[in-house]
Amino acid sequence: MTASPMDTAPIPRRCAAQPLPDPETPTEEGVMRLRRAWPVPGADEAVLAVELEQEDGTIRAGWWSRSQLQLLQPGQDPKLRTLADWADQGTVISHRPGKRAVVRLDPPTRYVKVVRRGKASGITDGIARAAAFQGPFRTPEVLESTDSTVTFSAVEGRSLHHAEEFTHQEWTQAWCAVTEAWRTGASAEPQRGTKALVHRAEAEAGVLRHWHQLVSPWLPDAAAAERTVERVVGLLRNLPEEQLRPAHRDLHDKQLLYCREAGPGLLDVDTACLADPALDLGNLRAHAALRQLQGLWSRQQAETVSFCVDETAEQLSVPRGSAAVYEQAALLRLGFVYAVRPQYADVAARLRRLVSD
């Protein structure tokens, strides 16, 4: 559906309009490893929300702007008022400042997702919309919730992000099981009485334009990227009539687990909706290309995933053209998401080039 990511020529490093933080960021408290970064929408200037890791593994969050880093104290966030209490009881494992954080509690292992006050209902509503995938997949059980937190049970299994933990045979078995479970869920009738959320091609076009606008201050190729966005938007608009089916909408390897005895597991289903099945399939294929470019998966491992995805598309009679367009949209979106993560800025540029060529 696309050229192999390794067939593209290297992109020469160029300076973006706005500087990115260093992957190993020096602070008054020592050098911290930058894990993730996100553009802050609506800011008066170019600001990145950042997640860093101290040498002892402690997660820190803050903001980067004008080459300056503003750090929050560990487990603190003025917009996530209950985070401090939960952080005292467990370990913060992820933190997007001002938006959400996840705390692991032991024993027994549970996870608390902390969001802004009044936002937790969006998570539980999404879980209700994902009913079609609960059964084919093992999903976290909601143990309790408040207006700003949802507590989940742990799901047994190895993350399919970590390909190095699987033998070739296990990797193939895992992805066959995952795509079969997804096909079963995507083939199910939407649950009655559940308010449907529909994500059509025009919504995906909006996502692309939104991400381009967010990351433009950091893109060395912002004008070219905008032309690519409009080309892909045109392809999305010209797709045949969609077959709306249950979809995860953010389906990728970090959301997937596998246990030989228990079967596949699925995480973070709050994005669930009705969409063209090509949306999830294209996203999986795009992530396979990303992981290969990152050096996290071998070419053979990425091709195994793409093969399983293509087989599933054929079984569901998903037009190849539709899957290819959604894959291009996902590649371009990932080329924006990773553009502000300096350790992968060159990888992000290659993803954008894959779509522009």
Protein backbone atom coordinates (compact mmCIF):
# COMPACT_ATOMS: atom_id res chain seq x y z
CA MET A 1 0.00 0.00 0.00
CA THR A 2 3.01 2.25 0.55
CA ALA A 3 6.71 1.99 -0.14
CA SER A 4 8.81 0.31 2.54
CA PRO A 5 9.94 2.98 5.02
CA MET A 6 13.50 1.81 4.61
CA ASP A 7 13.42 2.53 0.85
CA THR A 8 13.39 6.29 1.38
CA ALA A 9 16.53 8.40 1.28
CA PRO A 10 17.76 10.00 4.52
CA ILE A 11 16.39 13.43 5.34
CA PRO A 12 19.08 16.01 6.02
CA ARG A 13 18.79 17.59 9.46
CA ARG A 14 17.45 21.14 9.35
CA CYS A 15 16.61 23.63 12.06
CA ALA A 16 12.93 24.13 12.81
CA ALA A 17 11.53 27.61 13.40
CA GLN A 18 11.25 26.82 17.12
CA PRO A 19 13.92 24.86 19.03
CA LEU A 20 13.10 21.51 20.58
CA PRO A 21 14.37 20.43 23.99
CA ASP A 22 17.29 18.02 24.12
CA PRO A 23 16.44 14.31 24.42
CA GLU A 24 18.70 14.35 27.48
CA THR A 25 17.54 17.56 29.12
CA PRO A 26 19.84 19.20 31.70
CA THR A 27 18.04 20.66 34.72
CA GLU A 28 19.05 21.96 38.14
CA GLU A 29 18.09 18.52 39.47
CA GLY A 30 20.27 16.62 37.02
CA VAL A 31 19.91 15.33 33.47
CA MET A 32 16.42 14.01 32.65
CA ARG A 33 15.38 11.89 29.68
CA LEU A 34 12.64 13.43 27.58
CA ARG A 35 9.98 10.76 27.04
CA ARG A 36 7.20 12.61 25.21
CA ALA A 37 6.12 16.09 24.16
CA TRP A 38 2.84 17.59 22.94
CA PRO A 39 2.06 21.04 21.48
CA VAL A 40 -0.18 23.09 23.77
CA PRO A 41 -3.22 24.33 21.81
CA GLY A 42 -4.38 27.90 22.26
CA ALA A 43 -1.12 29.12 23.79
CA ASP A 44 -0.02 32.67 22.96
CA GLU A 45 3.41 31.34 21.97
CA ALA A 46 4.89 28.00 20.91
CA VAL A 47 4.69 25.84 24.03
CA LEU A 48 5.28 22.12 24.47
CA ALA A 49 3.91 20.07 27.33
CA VAL A 50 6.65 17.60 28.22
CA GLU A 51 7.06 14.37 30.14
CA LEU A 52 10.53 13.55 31.43
CA GLU A 53 12.14 10.80 33.48
CA GLN A 54 14.72 11.30 36.21
CA GLU A 55 17.68 8.95 36.60
CA ASP A 56 15.83 7.14 39.40
CA GLY A 57 12.80 6.55 37.14
CA THR A 58 10.60 9.29 38.65
CA ILE A 59 8.26 10.84 36.09
CA ARG A 60 8.30 14.63 35.86
CA ALA A 61 6.04 16.88 33.82
CA GLY A 62 6.24 20.48 32.74
CA TRP A 63 6.35 22.90 29.83
CA TRP A 64 9.01 23.99 27.34
CA SER A 65 8.97 27.39 25.63
CA ARG A 66 11.60 29.85 24.44
CA SER A 67 14.27 27.25 25.27
CA GLN A 68 13.20 27.33 28.92
CA LEU A 69 11.88 24.39 30.94
CA GLN A 70 9.30 24.85 33.69
CA LEU A 71 8.98 21.70 35.80
CA LEU A 72 6.20 20.62 38.14
CA GLN A 73 7.04 18.83 41.35
CA PRO A 74 6.73 15.01 41.13
CA GLY A 75 3.09 13.91 41.30
CA GLN A 76 1.82 17.50 41.26
CA ASP A 77 -0.43 19.25 38.74
CA PRO A 78 -2.63 22.29 39.47
CA LYS A 79 -5.21 21.13 36.91
CA LEU A 80 -5.29 17.53 38.16
CA ARG A 81 -6.20 18.25 41.76
CA THR A 82 -6.50 14.64 42.92
CA LEU A 83 -3.19 13.52 41.41
CA ALA A 84 -1.10 14.32 44.50
CA ASP A 85 -3.21 12.05 46.73
CA TRP A 86 -2.95 9.15 44.29
CA ALA A 87 0.75 9.73 43.69
CA ASP A 88 1.30 9.33 47.44
CA GLN A 89 -0.31 5.89 47.23
CA GLY A 90 1.42 4.57 44.12
CA THR A 91 3.77 5.31 41.23
CA VAL A 92 3.11 7.84 38.48
CA ILE A 93 3.87 6.05 35.20
CA SER A 94 2.72 8.72 32.75
CA HIS A 95 1.85 12.41 33.03
CA ARG A 96 0.71 14.82 30.35
CA PRO A 97 0.60 18.08 32.30
CA GLY A 98 -2.75 19.75 32.56
CA LYS A 99 -4.47 16.82 30.83
CA ARG A 100 -4.07 13.41 32.44
CA ALA A 101 -1.84 11.10 34.42
CA VAL A 102 -1.75 7.40 35.20
CA VAL A 103 -0.78 6.02 38.61
CA ARG A 104 0.03 2.36 39.26
CA LEU A 105 -1.12 0.96 42.59
CA ASP A 106 0.32 -2.23 44.11
CA PRO A 107 -0.68 -4.76 45.39
CA PRO A 108 -2.83 -5.91 43.73
CA THR A 109 -1.85 -4.10 40.57
CA ARG A 110 -4.41 -1.48 39.57
CA TYR A 111 -4.18 1.66 37.48
CA VAL A 112 -5.81 5.01 38.19
CA LYS A 113 -6.30 7.41 35.29
CA VAL A 114 -6.50 10.98 36.62
CA VAL A 115 -8.09 13.68 34.47
CA ARG A 116 -9.55 17.14 34.95
CA ARG A 117 -12.64 17.42 37.07
CA GLY A 118 -15.74 16.40 35.10
CA LYS A 119 -13.76 14.63 32.36
CA ALA A 120 -13.89 11.06 33.72
CA SER A 121 -17.34 10.48 32.22
CA GLY A 122 -15.74 10.71 28.78
CA ILE A 123 -13.64 7.67 29.66
CA THR A 124 -16.54 5.60 30.98
CA ASP A 125 -18.75 6.59 28.02
CA GLY A 126 -16.03 5.40 25.65
CA ILE A 127 -15.78 2.10 27.49
CA ALA A 128 -19.51 1.59 26.97
CA ARG A 129 -19.09 2.30 23.24
CA ALA A 130 -16.33 -0.34 23.09
CA ALA A 131 -18.62 -3.19 24.17
CA ALA A 132 -18.12 -4.97 20.82
CA PHE A 133 -14.44 -5.52 21.64
CA GLN A 134 -15.04 -6.79 25.17
CA GLY A 135 -15.09 -10.55 24.71
CA PRO A 136 -12.92 -10.92 21.63
CA PHE A 137 -10.35 -9.02 23.72
CA ARG A 138 -9.66 -8.97 27.41
CA THR A 139 -10.09 -5.37 28.55
CA PRO A 140 -9.46 -3.68 31.91
CA GLU A 141 -12.33 -3.87 34.38
CA VAL A 142 -13.50 -0.55 35.82
CA LEU A 143 -13.21 -0.96 39.59
CA GLU A 144 -14.44 2.50 40.56
CA SER A 145 -14.73 6.02 39.20
CA THR A 146 -15.26 9.61 40.28
CA ASP A 147 -15.71 12.80 38.29
CA SER A 148 -11.92 13.00 37.80
CA THR A 149 -10.61 9.42 38.12
CA VAL A 150 -11.21 5.94 36.77
CA THR A 151 -9.57 2.94 38.46
CA PHE A 152 -8.88 -0.13 36.31
CA SER A 153 -7.78 -3.68 36.96
CA ALA A 154 -4.54 -4.87 35.38
CA VAL A 155 -4.67 -7.00 32.23
CA GLU A 156 -2.25 -9.90 31.98
CA GLY A 157 0.02 -10.09 28.95
CA ARG A 158 3.09 -8.79 27.15
CA SER A 159 2.86 -5.51 25.30
CA LEU A 160 3.03 -5.88 21.51
CA HIS A 161 5.13 -2.73 21.50
CA HIS A 162 8.06 -4.78 22.82
CA ALA A 163 8.79 -7.04 19.86
CA GLU A 164 12.09 -8.11 21.40
CA GLU A 165 10.17 -10.10 24.03
CA PHE A 166 8.65 -12.43 21.41
CA THR A 167 10.11 -15.23 19.32
CA HIS A 168 9.20 -15.12 15.63
CA GLN A 169 6.56 -17.79 16.17
CA GLU A 170 5.09 -16.01 19.20
CA TRP A 171 5.03 -12.70 17.32
CA THR A 172 3.10 -14.24 14.43
CA GLN A 173 0.68 -16.04 16.78
CA ALA A 174 0.08 -12.88 18.77
CA TRP A 175 -0.73 -10.70 15.75
CA CYS A 176 -2.94 -13.37 14.20
CA ALA A 177 -4.88 -13.54 17.48
CA VAL A 178 -5.09 -9.74 17.79
CA THR A 179 -6.33 -9.13 14.26
CA GLU A 180 -8.83 -11.99 14.55
CA ALA A 181 -10.18 -10.51 17.80
CA TRP A 182 -10.38 -7.07 16.20
CA ARG A 183 -12.21 -8.52 13.16
CA THR A 184 -14.76 -10.17 15.47
CA GLY A 185 -15.35 -6.90 17.32
CA ALA A 186 -15.54 -4.85 14.13
CA SER A 187 -18.09 -7.30 12.70
CA ALA A 188 -20.44 -6.97 15.70
CA GLU A 189 -23.62 -4.93 15.72
CA PRO A 190 -23.31 -1.71 17.77
CA GLN A 191 -24.77 -2.12 21.26
CA ARG A 192 -28.32 -0.83 21.51
CA GLY A 193 -28.95 2.00 23.91
CA THR A 194 -25.39 3.28 23.62
CA LYS A 195 -24.98 6.78 22.25
CA ALA A 196 -23.05 6.38 19.02
CA LEU A 197 -20.00 8.46 18.23
CA VAL A 198 -19.22 8.44 14.50
CA HIS A 199 -15.79 9.23 13.06
CA ARG A 200 -16.10 9.70 9.30
CA ALA A 201 -13.46 10.54 6.73
CA GLU A 202 -14.21 14.26 7.11
CA ALA A 203 -13.40 13.97 10.83
CA GLU A 204 -10.07 12.33 10.00
CA ALA A 205 -9.37 15.22 7.62
CA GLY A 206 -10.02 17.59 10.51
CA VAL A 207 -7.57 15.67 12.69
CA LEU A 208 -4.82 16.07 10.09
CA ARG A 209 -5.38 19.80 9.73
CA HIS A 210 -5.49 20.22 13.50
CA TRP A 211 -2.18 18.41 14.04
CA HIS A 212 -0.49 20.34 11.26
CA GLN A 213 -1.59 23.61 12.82
CA LEU A 214 -0.37 22.50 16.25
CA VAL A 215 3.14 21.47 15.19
CA SER A 216 3.80 24.03 12.43
CA PRO A 217 6.04 26.21 14.64
CA TRP A 218 8.45 23.27 14.97
CA LEU A 219 8.30 21.96 11.39
CA PRO A 220 11.19 22.72 9.02
CA ASP A 221 8.87 21.72 6.15
CA ALA A 222 5.61 23.33 7.32
CA ALA A 223 4.56 24.62 3.88
CA ALA A 224 5.27 21.33 2.13
CA ALA A 225 3.51 19.46 4.93
CA GLU A 226 0.43 21.63 4.48
CA ARG A 227 0.30 20.74 0.78
CA THR A 228 0.54 17.06 1.72
CA VAL A 229 -2.28 17.48 4.23
CA GLU A 230 -4.55 18.96 1.58
CA ARG A 231 -3.69 16.17 -0.86
CA VAL A 232 -4.58 13.49 1.70
CA VAL A 233 -7.72 15.40 2.69
CA GLY A 234 -8.76 15.24 -0.98
CA LEU A 235 -8.20 11.48 -0.98
CA LEU A 236 -10.29 11.08 2.17
CA ARG A 237 -13.13 13.11 0.63
CA ASN A 238 -13.15 10.91 -2.46
CA LEU A 239 -13.38 7.59 -0.61
CA PRO A 240 -16.38 5.36 -1.41
CA GLU A 241 -19.30 5.28 1.00
CA GLU A 242 -18.11 4.13 4.40
CA GLN A 243 -19.21 0.92 6.10
CA LEU A 244 -19.55 2.15 9.65
CA ARG A 245 -18.49 -0.50 12.17
CA PRO A 246 -17.17 -0.59 15.75
CA ALA A 247 -13.67 0.87 15.84
CA HIS A 248 -11.05 1.61 18.49
CA ARG A 249 -9.91 4.80 16.69
CA ASP A 250 -6.45 4.80 18.30
CA LEU A 251 -5.43 1.21 17.63
CA HIS A 252 -1.70 0.55 17.80
CA ASP A 253 0.84 -1.76 19.40
CA LYS A 254 1.01 0.07 22.75
CA GLN A 255 -2.71 -0.59 23.21
CA LEU A 256 -2.35 -4.33 22.62
CA LEU A 257 -1.28 -7.18 24.90
CA TYR A 258 -0.89 -10.88 24.31
CA CYS A 259 -0.88 -13.88 26.63
CA ARG A 260 -0.66 -17.35 25.11
CA GLU A 261 -3.00 -18.82 27.73
CA ALA A 262 -5.47 -15.94 28.06
CA GLY A 263 -5.39 -14.47 24.55
CA PRO A 264 -5.22 -10.85 23.33
CA GLY A 265 -5.84 -7.80 25.50
CA LEU A 266 -6.88 -4.27 24.53
CA LEU A 267 -6.28 -1.03 26.44
CA ASP A 268 -7.53 2.57 26.37
CA VAL A 269 -10.83 1.92 24.65
CA ASP A 270 -12.31 5.33 25.56
CA THR A 271 -11.75 6.49 21.96
CA ALA A 272 -14.17 3.81 20.65
CA CYS A 273 -16.61 4.88 17.95
CA LEU A 274 -18.22 3.82 14.71
CA ALA A 275 -15.94 4.28 11.71
CA ASP A 276 -14.79 2.76 8.46
CA PRO A 277 -12.80 -0.36 9.44
CA ALA A 278 -10.02 1.00 7.21
CA LEU A 279 -9.35 3.57 9.96
CA ASP A 280 -8.04 1.03 12.52
CA LEU A 281 -6.36 -1.11 9.87
CA GLY A 282 -4.54 1.82 8.33
CA ASN A 283 -3.42 2.96 11.77
CA LEU A 284 -1.93 -0.45 12.56
CA ARG A 285 -0.05 -0.51 9.25
CA ALA A 286 1.28 3.01 9.80
CA HIS A 287 2.53 2.13 13.26
CA ALA A 288 4.36 -0.90 11.85
CA ALA A 289 6.24 1.48 9.53
CA LEU A 290 6.93 3.84 12.43
CA ARG A 291 8.32 1.11 14.70
CA GLN A 292 10.61 -0.13 11.93
CA LEU A 293 11.96 3.37 11.33
CA GLN A 294 12.47 3.82 15.07
CA GLY A 295 14.56 0.66 15.08
CA LEU A 296 12.21 -0.99 17.57
CA TRP A 297 10.96 -3.68 15.18
CA SER A 298 12.84 -5.57 12.49
CA ARG A 299 11.66 -5.39 8.90
CA GLN A 300 10.37 -8.97 9.23
CA GLN A 301 8.38 -8.11 12.35
CA ALA A 302 6.83 -5.06 10.69
CA GLU A 303 5.96 -7.10 7.58
CA THR A 304 4.29 -9.76 9.76
CA VAL A 305 2.01 -7.11 11.23
CA SER A 306 1.21 -5.65 7.81
CA PHE A 307 0.45 -9.13 6.45
CA CYS A 308 -1.99 -9.87 9.31
CA VAL A 309 -3.65 -6.50 8.79
CA ASP A 310 -4.01 -7.06 5.03
CA GLU A 311 -5.50 -10.52 5.58
CA THR A 312 -8.03 -9.03 7.99
CA ALA A 313 -8.93 -6.29 5.52
CA GLU A 314 -9.58 -8.89 2.85
CA GLN A 315 -11.75 -10.96 5.22
CA LEU A 316 -13.87 -7.89 5.96
CA SER A 317 -14.00 -6.84 2.29
CA VAL A 318 -12.35 -3.52 3.09
CA PRO A 319 -11.36 -1.88 -0.21
CA ARG A 320 -7.59 -1.72 -0.63
CA GLY A 321 -7.85 1.88 -1.71
CA SER A 322 -9.66 2.88 1.48
CA ALA A 323 -7.11 1.12 3.69
CA ALA A 324 -4.26 2.77 1.76
CA VAL A 325 -5.74 6.27 2.20
CA TYR A 326 -6.28 5.81 5.92
CA GLU A 327 -2.74 4.47 6.20
CA GLN A 328 -1.42 7.61 4.51
CA ALA A 329 -3.49 9.76 6.87
CA ALA A 330 -2.08 7.87 9.87
CA LEU A 331 1.51 8.12 8.60
CA LEU A 332 1.13 11.86 8.15
CA ARG A 333 -0.47 12.31 11.59
CA LEU A 334 2.36 10.33 13.20
CA GLY A 335 4.79 12.50 11.25
CA PHE A 336 3.28 15.45 13.12
CA VAL A 337 2.94 13.81 16.55
CA TYR A 338 6.59 12.71 16.60
CA ALA A 339 7.92 15.93 15.07
CA VAL A 340 8.08 17.54 18.52
CA ARG A 341 9.81 14.55 20.13
CA PRO A 342 13.45 15.39 19.35
CA GLN A 343 14.79 11.84 19.53
CA TYR A 344 12.42 10.96 16.67
CA ALA A 345 12.25 14.24 14.73
CA ASP A 346 14.16 12.70 11.79
CA VAL A 347 11.88 9.65 11.85
CA ALA A 348 8.87 11.97 11.77
CA ALA A 349 10.33 13.77 8.74
CA ARG A 350 10.70 10.43 6.94
CA LEU A 351 7.07 9.56 7.69
CA ARG A 352 5.94 12.88 6.20
CA ARG A 353 8.13 12.23 3.16
CA LEU A 354 6.61 8.76 2.71
CA VAL A 355 3.24 10.44 2.21
CA SER A 356 4.48 13.35 0.12
CA ASP A 357 6.42 11.18 -2.39
